[in-house]
Amino acid sequence: MKKTNGIFILYAFAAVLAMSGVGIAVGERSIIWAIISIIALIAVFGMGFKTKKKYRELELEKH
């Protein structure tokens, strides 16, 4: 497994935790935790896409 794949696995795991947090917050009827989990999910997805773009640009520069 490449080193870059490990980073994306961590992002995927963090996104799953954030999605689970939304579900748990809805089940507990906690609006505050639901909002925090949604913000965390958006942040994790943003960081993941930003990292993927960075790696893609570095690959294009190599060729």
PDB file of N, CA and C in Angstrom:
ATOM      1  N   MET A   1       0.849  -1.181   0.000  1.00  0.00           N
ATOM      2  CA  MET A   1       0.000   0.000   0.000  1.00  0.00           C
ATOM      3  C   MET A   1       0.892   1.242   0.000  1.00  0.00           C
ATOM      4  N   LYS A   2       0.554   2.183  -0.835  1.00  0.00           N
ATOM      5  CA  LYS A   2       1.322   3.411  -0.908  1.00  0.00           C
ATOM      6  C   LYS A   2       1.106   4.250   0.349  1.00  0.00           C
ATOM      7  N   LYS A   3       2.039   5.119   0.612  1.00  0.00           N
ATOM      8  CA  LYS A   3       1.942   5.993   1.781  1.00  0.00           C
ATOM      9  C   LYS A   3       0.725   6.926   1.664  1.00  0.00           C
ATOM     10  N   THR A   4       0.421   7.372   0.461  1.00  0.00           N
ATOM     11  CA  THR A   4      -0.693   8.300   0.280  1.00  0.00           C
ATOM     12  C   THR A   4      -2.032   7.631   0.578  1.00  0.00           C
ATOM     13  N   ASN A   5      -2.154   6.323   0.322  1.00  0.00           N
ATOM     14  CA  ASN A   5      -3.405   5.641   0.598  1.00  0.00           C
ATOM     15  C   ASN A   5      -3.724   5.634   2.086  1.00  0.00           C
ATOM     16  N   GLY A   6      -2.717   5.579   2.929  1.00  0.00           N
ATOM     17  CA  GLY A   6      -2.922   5.600   4.374  1.00  0.00           C
ATOM     18  C   GLY A   6      -3.578   6.894   4.834  1.00  0.00           C
ATOM     19  N   ILE A   7      -3.195   7.983   4.227  1.00  0.00           N
ATOM     20  CA  ILE A   7      -3.777   9.278   4.580  1.00  0.00           C
ATOM     21  C   ILE A   7      -5.261   9.294   4.223  1.00  0.00           C
ATOM     22  N   PHE A   8      -5.587   8.756   3.061  1.00  0.00           N
ATOM     23  CA  PHE A   8      -6.985   8.757   2.633  1.00  0.00           C
ATOM     24  C   PHE A   8      -7.834   7.791   3.460  1.00  0.00           C
ATOM     25  N   ILE A   9      -7.226   6.730   3.953  1.00  0.00           N
ATOM     26  CA  ILE A   9      -7.950   5.817   4.848  1.00  0.00           C
ATOM     27  C   ILE A   9      -8.282   6.543   6.154  1.00  0.00           C
ATOM     28  N   LEU A  10      -7.360   7.347   6.654  1.00  0.00           N
ATOM     29  CA  LEU A  10      -7.636   8.125   7.867  1.00  0.00           C
ATOM     30  C   LEU A  10      -8.756   9.134   7.639  1.00  0.00           C
ATOM     31  N   TYR A  11      -8.743   9.788   6.482  1.00  0.00           N
ATOM     32  CA  TYR A  11      -9.831  10.721   6.160  1.00  0.00           C
ATOM     33  C   TYR A  11     -11.172   9.991   6.077  1.00  0.00           C
ATOM     34  N   ALA A  12     -11.170   8.809   5.471  1.00  0.00           N
ATOM     35  CA  ALA A  12     -12.404   8.039   5.349  1.00  0.00           C
ATOM     36  C   ALA A  12     -12.913   7.620   6.732  1.00  0.00           C
ATOM     37  N   PHE A  13     -12.014   7.193   7.590  1.00  0.00           N
ATOM     38  CA  PHE A  13     -12.398   6.797   8.947  1.00  0.00           C
ATOM     39  C   PHE A  13     -12.971   7.983   9.725  1.00  0.00           C
ATOM     40  N   ALA A  14     -12.335   9.156   9.581  1.00  0.00           N
ATOM     41  CA  ALA A  14     -12.838  10.357  10.260  1.00  0.00           C
ATOM     42  C   ALA A  14     -14.212  10.749   9.725  1.00  0.00           C
ATOM     43  N   ALA A  15     -14.429  10.587   8.421  1.00  0.00           N
ATOM     44  CA  ALA A  15     -15.726  10.915   7.840  1.00  0.00           C
ATOM     45  C   ALA A  15     -16.805   9.961   8.349  1.00  0.00           C
ATOM     46  N   VAL A  16     -16.470   8.688   8.474  1.00  0.00           N
ATOM     47  CA  VAL A  16     -17.434   7.713   9.009  1.00  0.00           C
ATOM     48  C   VAL A  16     -17.783   8.056  10.455  1.00  0.00           C
ATOM     49  N   LEU A  17     -16.795   8.449  11.234  1.00  0.00           N
ATOM     50  CA  LEU A  17     -17.072   8.844  12.617  1.00  0.00           C
ATOM     51  C   LEU A  17     -17.979  10.075  12.682  1.00  0.00           C
ATOM     52  N   ALA A  18     -17.737  11.038  11.803  1.00  0.00           N
ATOM     53  CA  ALA A  18     -18.571  12.235  11.785  1.00  0.00           C
ATOM     54  C   ALA A  18     -20.005  11.901  11.368  1.00  0.00           C
ATOM     55  N   MET A  19     -20.156  11.016  10.377  1.00  0.00           N
ATOM     56  CA  MET A  19     -21.501  10.602   9.961  1.00  0.00           C
ATOM     57  C   MET A  19     -22.208   9.846  11.077  1.00  0.00           C
ATOM     58  N   SER A  20     -21.454   9.010  11.765  1.00  0.00           N
ATOM     59  CA  SER A  20     -22.041   8.292  12.895  1.00  0.00           C
ATOM     60  C   SER A  20     -22.449   9.262  13.997  1.00  0.00           C
ATOM     61  N   GLY A  21     -21.649  10.288  14.183  1.00  0.00           N
ATOM     62  CA  GLY A  21     -21.972  11.314  15.177  1.00  0.00           C
ATOM     63  C   GLY A  21     -23.279  12.009  14.863  1.00  0.00           C
ATOM     64  N   VAL A  22     -23.540  12.244  13.586  1.00  0.00           N
ATOM     65  CA  VAL A  22     -24.816  12.855  13.185  1.00  0.00           C
ATOM     66  C   VAL A  22     -25.957  11.923  13.553  1.00  0.00           C
ATOM     67  N   GLY A  23     -25.810  10.647  13.240  1.00  0.00           N
ATOM     68  CA  GLY A  23     -26.864   9.684  13.547  1.00  0.00           C
ATOM     69  C   GLY A  23     -27.121   9.561  15.034  1.00  0.00           C
ATOM     70  N   ILE A  24     -26.057   9.513  15.805  1.00  0.00           N
ATOM     71  CA  ILE A  24     -26.207   9.417  17.258  1.00  0.00           C
ATOM     72  C   ILE A  24     -26.851  10.676  17.814  1.00  0.00           C
ATOM     73  N   ALA A  25     -26.439  11.832  17.309  1.00  0.00           N
ATOM     74  CA  ALA A  25     -27.008  13.097  17.781  1.00  0.00           C
ATOM     75  C   ALA A  25     -28.494  13.189  17.467  1.00  0.00           C
ATOM     76  N   VAL A  26     -28.895  12.721  16.288  1.00  0.00           N
ATOM     77  CA  VAL A  26     -30.316  12.727  15.934  1.00  0.00           C
ATOM     78  C   VAL A  26     -31.080  11.783  16.865  1.00  0.00           C
ATOM     79  N   GLY A  27     -30.487  10.613  17.136  1.00  0.00           N
ATOM     80  CA  GLY A  27     -31.131   9.664  18.035  1.00  0.00           C
ATOM     81  C   GLY A  27     -31.279  10.202  19.446  1.00  0.00           C
ATOM     82  N   GLU A  28     -30.312  10.980  19.869  1.00  0.00           N
ATOM     83  CA  GLU A  28     -30.351  11.580  21.200  1.00  0.00           C
ATOM     84  C   GLU A  28     -31.092  12.915  21.217  1.00  0.00           C
ATOM     85  N   ARG A  29     -31.531  13.363  20.058  1.00  0.00           N
ATOM     86  CA  ARG A  29     -32.233  14.643  19.899  1.00  0.00           C
ATOM     87  C   ARG A  29     -31.389  15.829  20.390  1.00  0.00           C
ATOM     88  N   SER A  30     -30.121  15.796  20.009  1.00  0.00           N
ATOM     89  CA  SER A  30     -29.191  16.860  20.377  1.00  0.00           C
ATOM     90  C   SER A  30     -28.828  17.649  19.126  1.00  0.00           C
ATOM     91  N   ILE A  31     -29.440  18.805  18.983  1.00  0.00           N
ATOM     92  CA  ILE A  31     -29.207  19.634  17.802  1.00  0.00           C
ATOM     93  C   ILE A  31     -27.775  20.157  17.769  1.00  0.00           C
ATOM     94  N   ILE A  32     -27.250  20.508  18.914  1.00  0.00           N
ATOM     95  CA  ILE A  32     -25.896  21.067  18.978  1.00  0.00           C
ATOM     96  C   ILE A  32     -24.872  20.049  18.474  1.00  0.00           C
ATOM     97  N   TRP A  33     -24.957  18.792  18.962  1.00  0.00           N
ATOM     98  CA  TRP A  33     -24.007  17.775  18.517  1.00  0.00           C
ATOM     99  C   TRP A  33     -24.204  17.410  17.061  1.00  0.00           C
ATOM    100  N   ALA A  34     -25.438  17.475  16.592  1.00  0.00           N
ATOM    101  CA  ALA A  34     -25.697  17.209  15.174  1.00  0.00           C
ATOM    102  C   ALA A  34     -25.010  18.267  14.310  1.00  0.00           C
ATOM    103  N   ILE A  35     -25.121  19.516  14.706  1.00  0.00           N
ATOM    104  CA  ILE A  35     -24.488  20.610  13.959  1.00  0.00           C
ATOM    105  C   ILE A  35     -22.971  20.482  14.004  1.00  0.00           C
ATOM    106  N   ILE A  36     -22.429  20.158  15.179  1.00  0.00           N
ATOM    107  CA  ILE A  36     -20.981  19.983  15.302  1.00  0.00           C
ATOM    108  C   ILE A  36     -20.504  18.834  14.418  1.00  0.00           C
ATOM    109  N   SER A  37     -21.257  17.742  14.394  1.00  0.00           N
ATOM    110  CA  SER A  37     -20.883  16.595  13.567  1.00  0.00           C
ATOM    111  C   SER A  37     -20.956  16.924  12.080  1.00  0.00           C
ATOM    112  N   ILE A  38     -21.958  17.693  11.681  1.00  0.00           N
ATOM    113  CA  ILE A  38     -22.077  18.087  10.273  1.00  0.00           C
ATOM    114  C   ILE A  38     -20.919  18.994   9.874  1.00  0.00           C
ATOM    115  N   ILE A  39     -20.559  19.913  10.751  1.00  0.00           N
ATOM    116  CA  ILE A  39     -19.415  20.797  10.466  1.00  0.00           C
ATOM    117  C   ILE A  39     -18.128  19.974  10.368  1.00  0.00           C
ATOM    118  N   ALA A  40     -17.962  18.999  11.268  1.00  0.00           N
ATOM    119  CA  ALA A  40     -16.781  18.134  11.222  1.00  0.00           C
ATOM    120  C   ALA A  40     -16.756  17.322   9.931  1.00  0.00           C
ATOM    121  N   LEU A  41     -17.916  16.844   9.500  1.00  0.00           N
ATOM    122  CA  LEU A  41     -17.997  16.071   8.255  1.00  0.00           C
ATOM    123  C   LEU A  41     -17.595  16.922   7.057  1.00  0.00           C
ATOM    124  N   ILE A  42     -18.101  18.135   6.998  1.00  0.00           N
ATOM    125  CA  ILE A  42     -17.749  19.046   5.903  1.00  0.00           C
ATOM    126  C   ILE A  42     -16.249  19.346   5.919  1.00  0.00           C
ATOM    127  N   ALA A  43     -15.689  19.543   7.111  1.00  0.00           N
ATOM    128  CA  ALA A  43     -14.257  19.839   7.229  1.00  0.00           C
ATOM    129  C   ALA A  43     -13.408  18.651   6.772  1.00  0.00           C
ATOM    130  N   VAL A  44     -13.799  17.451   7.174  1.00  0.00           N
ATOM    131  CA  VAL A  44     -13.035  16.263   6.786  1.00  0.00           C
ATOM    132  C   VAL A  44     -13.096  16.053   5.279  1.00  0.00           C
ATOM    133  N   PHE A  45     -14.295  16.188   4.690  1.00  0.00           N
ATOM    134  CA  PHE A  45     -14.420  16.047   3.242  1.00  0.00           C
ATOM    135  C   PHE A  45     -13.584  17.109   2.533  1.00  0.00           C
ATOM    136  N   GLY A  46     -13.607  18.333   3.026  1.00  0.00           N
ATOM    137  CA  GLY A  46     -12.821  19.404   2.417  1.00  0.00           C
ATOM    138  C   GLY A  46     -11.335  19.124   2.460  1.00  0.00           C
ATOM    139  N   MET A  47     -10.849  18.657   3.620  1.00  0.00           N
ATOM    140  CA  MET A  47      -9.431  18.339   3.732  1.00  0.00           C
ATOM    141  C   MET A  47      -9.056  17.182   2.822  1.00  0.00           C
ATOM    142  N   GLY A  48      -9.939  16.198   2.710  1.00  0.00           N
ATOM    143  CA  GLY A  48      -9.672  15.057   1.842  1.00  0.00           C
ATOM    144  C   GLY A  48      -9.568  15.457   0.382  1.00  0.00           C
ATOM    145  N   PHE A  49     -10.525  16.264  -0.079  1.00  0.00           N
ATOM    146  CA  PHE A  49     -10.483  16.715  -1.468  1.00  0.00           C
ATOM    147  C   PHE A  49      -9.279  17.616  -1.724  1.00  0.00           C
ATOM    148  N   LYS A  50      -8.936  18.452  -0.755  1.00  0.00           N
ATOM    149  CA  LYS A  50      -7.777  19.333  -0.909  1.00  0.00           C
ATOM    150  C   LYS A  50      -6.487  18.509  -1.002  1.00  0.00           C
ATOM    151  N   THR A  51      -6.374  17.485  -0.178  1.00  0.00           N
ATOM    152  CA  THR A  51      -5.201  16.618  -0.210  1.00  0.00           C
ATOM    153  C   THR A  51      -5.121  15.849  -1.518  1.00  0.00           C
ATOM    154  N   LYS A  52      -6.264  15.350  -1.979  1.00  0.00           N
ATOM    155  CA  LYS A  52      -6.276  14.609  -3.248  1.00  0.00           C
ATOM    156  C   LYS A  52      -5.846  15.511  -4.401  1.00  0.00           C
ATOM    157  N   LYS A  53      -6.301  16.758  -4.399  1.00  0.00           N
ATOM    158  CA  LYS A  53      -5.907  17.695  -5.450  1.00  0.00           C
ATOM    159  C   LYS A  53      -4.404  17.951  -5.406  1.00  0.00           C
ATOM    160  N   LYS A  54      -3.870  18.081  -4.178  1.00  0.00           N
ATOM    161  CA  LYS A  54      -2.440  18.326  -4.032  1.00  0.00           C
ATOM    162  C   LYS A  54      -1.633  17.167  -4.596  1.00  0.00           C
ATOM    163  N   TYR A  55      -2.024  15.931  -4.268  1.00  0.00           N
ATOM    164  CA  TYR A  55      -1.307  14.764  -4.776  1.00  0.00           C
ATOM    165  C   TYR A  55      -1.444  14.638  -6.286  1.00  0.00           C
ATOM    166  N   ARG A  56      -2.623  14.965  -6.814  1.00  0.00           N
ATOM    167  CA  ARG A  56      -2.826  14.897  -8.261  1.00  0.00           C
ATOM    168  C   ARG A  56      -1.931  15.912  -8.969  1.00  0.00           C
ATOM    169  N   GLU A  57      -1.833  17.104  -8.420  1.00  0.00           N
ATOM    170  CA  GLU A  57      -0.969  18.137  -9.027  1.00  0.00           C
ATOM    171  C   GLU A  57       0.498  17.738  -8.957  1.00  0.00           C
ATOM    172  N   LEU A  58       0.920  17.092  -7.858  1.00  0.00           N
ATOM    173  CA  LEU A  58       2.298  16.641  -7.760  1.00  0.00           C
ATOM    174  C   LEU A  58       2.597  15.537  -8.767  1.00  0.00           C
ATOM    175  N   GLU A  59       1.639  14.661  -9.029  1.00  0.00           N
ATOM    176  CA  GLU A  59       1.826  13.621 -10.040  1.00  0.00           C
ATOM    177  C   GLU A  59       1.948  14.211 -11.437  1.00  0.00           C
ATOM    178  N   LEU A  60       1.163  15.237 -11.735  1.00  0.00           N
ATOM    179  CA  LEU A  60       1.228  15.857 -13.058  1.00  0.00           C
ATOM    180  C   LEU A  60       2.563  16.563 -13.274  1.00  0.00           C
ATOM    181  N   GLU A  61       3.123  17.108 -12.207  1.00  0.00           N
ATOM    182  CA  GLU A  61       4.410  17.775 -12.332  1.00  0.00           C
ATOM    183  C   GLU A  61       5.549  16.779 -12.598  1.00  0.00           C
ATOM    184  N   LYS A  62       5.404  15.558 -12.106  1.00  0.00           N
ATOM    185  CA  LYS A  62       6.433  14.541 -12.310  1.00  0.00           C
ATOM    186  C   LYS A  62       6.523  14.108 -13.761  1.00  0.00           C
ATOM    187  N   HIS A  63       5.388  14.064 -14.452  1.00  0.00           N
ATOM    188  CA  HIS A  63       5.359  13.552 -15.832  1.00  0.00           C
ATOM    189  C   HIS A  63       5.621  14.599 -16.829  1.00  0.00           C
TER     190      HIS A  63
END
